[in-house]
Amino acid sequence: DVAARVDPSTVAKFSTNLDTAMMWQIILWAAAAFVVVLIPYTNFYYEAFDPDDDKPGKQVSQAVMYTLGIAFCYALLVGVLWAT
């Protein structure tokens, strides 16, 4: 049947596939970003809430500082373990 036959030039023109290796790299880097940055930030932001001093800027700054400290410790640990 001519109508059901796939034209190779049309499929190649409109088909964009994501490489599987690239897909897994995106997933693993996103998971690493969640573990190292996003989850600690949300935890520190939540813990920095003070009902008496209700300023979100203070929460954000404290969460960012603690998250940077955790990310630095993680990077230092990875660097030491990588070198040895």
N, C-alpha and C. Protein backbone atom coordinates (compact mmCIF):
# COMPACT_ATOMS: atom_id res chain seq x y z
N ASP A 1 0.84 -1.18 0.00
CA ASP A 1 0.00 0.00 0.00
C ASP A 1 0.89 1.24 0.00
N VAL A 2 0.65 2.11 -0.94
CA VAL A 2 1.48 3.29 -1.09
C VAL A 2 1.25 4.28 0.05
N ALA A 3 0.04 4.41 0.57
CA ALA A 3 -0.26 5.39 1.62
C ALA A 3 0.39 5.02 2.95
N ALA A 4 0.61 3.73 3.20
CA ALA A 4 1.18 3.29 4.47
C ALA A 4 2.70 3.21 4.42
N ARG A 5 3.29 3.36 3.25
CA ARG A 5 4.73 3.25 3.14
C ARG A 5 5.40 4.49 3.74
N VAL A 6 6.44 4.27 4.51
CA VAL A 6 7.16 5.37 5.16
C VAL A 6 8.21 5.91 4.21
N ASP A 7 8.19 7.21 4.03
CA ASP A 7 9.20 7.86 3.21
C ASP A 7 10.41 8.17 4.10
N PRO A 8 11.56 7.62 3.81
CA PRO A 8 12.71 7.83 4.68
C PRO A 8 13.13 9.30 4.79
N SER A 9 12.95 10.07 3.75
CA SER A 9 13.35 11.48 3.82
C SER A 9 12.43 12.27 4.75
N THR A 10 11.15 11.92 4.80
CA THR A 10 10.21 12.62 5.67
C THR A 10 10.47 12.29 7.14
N VAL A 11 10.74 11.02 7.43
CA VAL A 11 11.01 10.62 8.81
C VAL A 11 12.28 11.29 9.30
N ALA A 12 13.28 11.31 8.48
CA ALA A 12 14.54 11.92 8.88
C ALA A 12 14.40 13.44 9.06
N LYS A 13 13.52 14.06 8.30
CA LYS A 13 13.35 15.50 8.36
C LYS A 13 12.63 15.94 9.64
N PHE A 14 11.61 15.21 10.07
CA PHE A 14 10.77 15.64 11.19
C PHE A 14 11.03 14.87 12.49
N SER A 15 11.92 13.92 12.46
CA SER A 15 12.18 13.11 13.65
C SER A 15 13.45 13.61 14.34
N THR A 16 13.31 14.01 15.61
CA THR A 16 14.47 14.38 16.41
C THR A 16 14.47 13.48 17.63
N ASN A 17 15.45 12.63 17.72
CA ASN A 17 15.53 11.69 18.82
C ASN A 17 16.61 12.13 19.80
N LEU A 18 16.34 11.92 21.07
CA LEU A 18 17.32 12.19 22.10
C LEU A 18 18.15 10.93 22.32
N ASP A 19 19.44 11.09 22.27
CA ASP A 19 20.34 9.97 22.49
C ASP A 19 20.12 9.42 23.90
N THR A 20 20.12 8.13 24.07
CA THR A 20 19.87 7.52 25.37
C THR A 20 20.95 7.87 26.37
N ALA A 21 22.19 7.91 25.94
CA ALA A 21 23.27 8.29 26.85
C ALA A 21 23.08 9.72 27.35
N MET A 22 22.67 10.62 26.47
CA MET A 22 22.42 12.01 26.86
C MET A 22 21.24 12.09 27.82
N MET A 23 20.21 11.29 27.58
CA MET A 23 19.06 11.27 28.47
C MET A 23 19.47 10.86 29.88
N TRP A 24 20.30 9.83 30.00
CA TRP A 24 20.73 9.38 31.32
C TRP A 24 21.64 10.40 31.98
N GLN A 25 22.45 11.09 31.20
CA GLN A 25 23.28 12.15 31.79
C GLN A 25 22.41 13.26 32.35
N ILE A 26 21.36 13.64 31.64
CA ILE A 26 20.45 14.67 32.13
C ILE A 26 19.77 14.22 33.41
N ILE A 27 19.32 12.98 33.45
CA ILE A 27 18.64 12.46 34.64
C ILE A 27 19.60 12.40 35.83
N LEU A 28 20.81 11.91 35.62
CA LEU A 28 21.75 11.78 36.73
C LEU A 28 22.23 13.14 37.24
N TRP A 29 22.45 14.10 36.34
CA TRP A 29 22.85 15.44 36.78
C TRP A 29 21.71 16.13 37.52
N ALA A 30 20.48 15.91 37.08
CA ALA A 30 19.33 16.47 37.79
C ALA A 30 19.19 15.86 39.18
N ALA A 31 19.41 14.56 39.29
CA ALA A 31 19.35 13.90 40.60
C ALA A 31 20.46 14.42 41.51
N ALA A 32 21.65 14.63 40.97
CA ALA A 32 22.75 15.17 41.76
C ALA A 32 22.44 16.59 42.22
N ALA A 33 21.84 17.39 41.35
CA ALA A 33 21.48 18.76 41.73
C ALA A 33 20.43 18.75 42.83
N PHE A 34 19.49 17.82 42.77
CA PHE A 34 18.49 17.71 43.83
C PHE A 34 19.15 17.37 45.15
N VAL A 35 20.06 16.39 45.14
CA VAL A 35 20.66 15.91 46.39
C VAL A 35 21.61 16.93 46.99
N VAL A 36 22.40 17.62 46.16
CA VAL A 36 23.43 18.51 46.67
C VAL A 36 22.91 19.92 46.90
N VAL A 37 21.95 20.39 46.11
CA VAL A 37 21.53 21.79 46.19
C VAL A 37 20.08 21.95 46.64
N LEU A 38 19.16 21.39 45.92
CA LEU A 38 17.75 21.70 46.13
C LEU A 38 17.20 21.18 47.45
N ILE A 39 17.46 19.94 47.78
CA ILE A 39 16.94 19.38 49.03
C ILE A 39 17.56 20.06 50.25
N PRO A 40 18.90 20.25 50.32
CA PRO A 40 19.43 20.99 51.47
C PRO A 40 18.90 22.42 51.56
N TYR A 41 18.75 23.09 50.41
CA TYR A 41 18.25 24.46 50.45
C TYR A 41 16.84 24.52 51.04
N THR A 42 15.97 23.64 50.58
CA THR A 42 14.60 23.68 51.10
C THR A 42 14.56 23.31 52.57
N ASN A 43 15.41 22.41 53.00
CA ASN A 43 15.47 22.05 54.42
C ASN A 43 15.97 23.22 55.25
N PHE A 44 17.03 23.88 54.83
CA PHE A 44 17.57 25.01 55.57
C PHE A 44 16.60 26.20 55.55
N TYR A 45 15.91 26.40 54.44
CA TYR A 45 14.92 27.47 54.36
C TYR A 45 13.79 27.22 55.35
N TYR A 46 13.33 26.00 55.43
CA TYR A 46 12.26 25.65 56.35
C TYR A 46 12.73 25.81 57.80
N GLU A 47 13.95 25.39 58.11
CA GLU A 47 14.46 25.46 59.48
C GLU A 47 14.78 26.89 59.89
N ALA A 48 15.00 27.80 58.95
CA ALA A 48 15.34 29.18 59.29
C ALA A 48 14.11 30.02 59.61
N PHE A 49 12.91 29.48 59.51
CA PHE A 49 11.70 30.24 59.80
C PHE A 49 11.63 30.58 61.28
N ASP A 50 11.44 31.86 61.56
CA ASP A 50 11.28 32.34 62.93
C ASP A 50 9.96 33.08 63.01
N PRO A 51 9.00 32.59 63.80
CA PRO A 51 7.70 33.25 63.85
C PRO A 51 7.77 34.67 64.42
N ASP A 52 8.76 34.93 65.27
CA ASP A 52 8.89 36.27 65.85
C ASP A 52 9.49 37.27 64.87
N ASP A 53 10.36 36.80 64.00
CA ASP A 53 11.03 37.67 63.02
C ASP A 53 10.68 37.16 61.63
N ASP A 54 9.55 37.58 61.10
CA ASP A 54 9.00 37.05 59.85
C ASP A 54 9.53 37.82 58.65
N LYS A 55 10.81 37.58 58.31
CA LYS A 55 11.42 38.22 57.15
C LYS A 55 11.92 37.12 56.21
N PRO A 56 11.34 37.02 55.03
CA PRO A 56 11.79 35.96 54.11
C PRO A 56 13.22 36.15 53.62
N GLY A 57 13.70 37.39 53.60
CA GLY A 57 15.08 37.63 53.17
C GLY A 57 16.08 36.97 54.09
N LYS A 58 15.77 36.96 55.37
CA LYS A 58 16.64 36.32 56.35
C LYS A 58 16.65 34.81 56.12
N GLN A 59 15.49 34.24 55.84
CA GLN A 59 15.40 32.81 55.56
C GLN A 59 16.20 32.45 54.31
N VAL A 60 16.04 33.25 53.27
CA VAL A 60 16.73 32.97 52.01
C VAL A 60 18.24 33.06 52.19
N SER A 61 18.71 34.12 52.85
CA SER A 61 20.16 34.30 53.02
C SER A 61 20.75 33.18 53.88
N GLN A 62 20.06 32.81 54.94
CA GLN A 62 20.57 31.73 55.78
C GLN A 62 20.58 30.40 55.02
N ALA A 63 19.55 30.15 54.27
CA ALA A 63 19.49 28.90 53.50
C ALA A 63 20.57 28.86 52.43
N VAL A 64 20.82 29.99 51.77
CA VAL A 64 21.86 30.03 50.73
C VAL A 64 23.24 29.80 51.35
N MET A 65 23.50 30.42 52.49
CA MET A 65 24.82 30.27 53.12
C MET A 65 25.05 28.83 53.56
N TYR A 66 24.07 28.21 54.20
CA TYR A 66 24.22 26.83 54.62
C TYR A 66 24.34 25.89 53.42
N THR A 67 23.59 26.16 52.36
CA THR A 67 23.65 25.32 51.17
C THR A 67 25.02 25.44 50.51
N LEU A 68 25.57 26.64 50.45
CA LEU A 68 26.91 26.81 49.90
C LEU A 68 27.95 26.07 50.74
N GLY A 69 27.77 26.09 52.05
CA GLY A 69 28.68 25.35 52.93
C GLY A 69 28.60 23.86 52.69
N ILE A 70 27.39 23.34 52.56
CA ILE A 70 27.22 21.91 52.29
C ILE A 70 27.79 21.56 50.91
N ALA A 71 27.54 22.39 49.91
CA ALA A 71 28.06 22.12 48.56
C ALA A 71 29.59 22.16 48.56
N PHE A 72 30.18 23.08 49.33
CA PHE A 72 31.64 23.16 49.43
C PHE A 72 32.20 21.90 50.09
N CYS A 73 31.57 21.46 51.17
CA CYS A 73 32.02 20.23 51.85
C CYS A 73 31.90 19.03 50.92
N TYR A 74 30.82 18.96 50.17
CA TYR A 74 30.63 17.87 49.23
C TYR A 74 31.71 17.92 48.14
N ALA A 75 31.97 19.10 47.60
CA ALA A 75 32.99 19.23 46.55
C ALA A 75 34.37 18.88 47.10
N LEU A 76 34.65 19.28 48.34
CA LEU A 76 35.93 18.95 48.96
C LEU A 76 36.06 17.44 49.16
N LEU A 77 35.00 16.81 49.63
CA LEU A 77 35.01 15.36 49.82
C LEU A 77 35.21 14.63 48.49
N VAL A 78 34.49 15.04 47.46
CA VAL A 78 34.63 14.41 46.14
C VAL A 78 36.05 14.63 45.61
N GLY A 79 36.60 15.82 45.79
CA GLY A 79 37.95 16.10 45.32
C GLY A 79 39.00 15.26 46.03
N VAL A 80 38.87 15.12 47.34
CA VAL A 80 39.84 14.30 48.09
C VAL A 80 39.72 12.84 47.70
N LEU A 81 38.49 12.34 47.60
CA LEU A 81 38.31 10.94 47.23
C LEU A 81 38.74 10.67 45.80
N TRP A 82 38.56 11.66 44.92
CA TRP A 82 38.98 11.50 43.53
C TRP A 82 40.50 11.42 43.43
N ALA A 83 41.20 12.21 44.26
CA ALA A 83 42.65 12.30 44.19
C ALA A 83 43.33 11.07 44.81
N THR A 84 42.63 10.42 45.74
CA THR A 84 43.30 9.29 46.40
C THR A 84 42.97 7.97 45.78
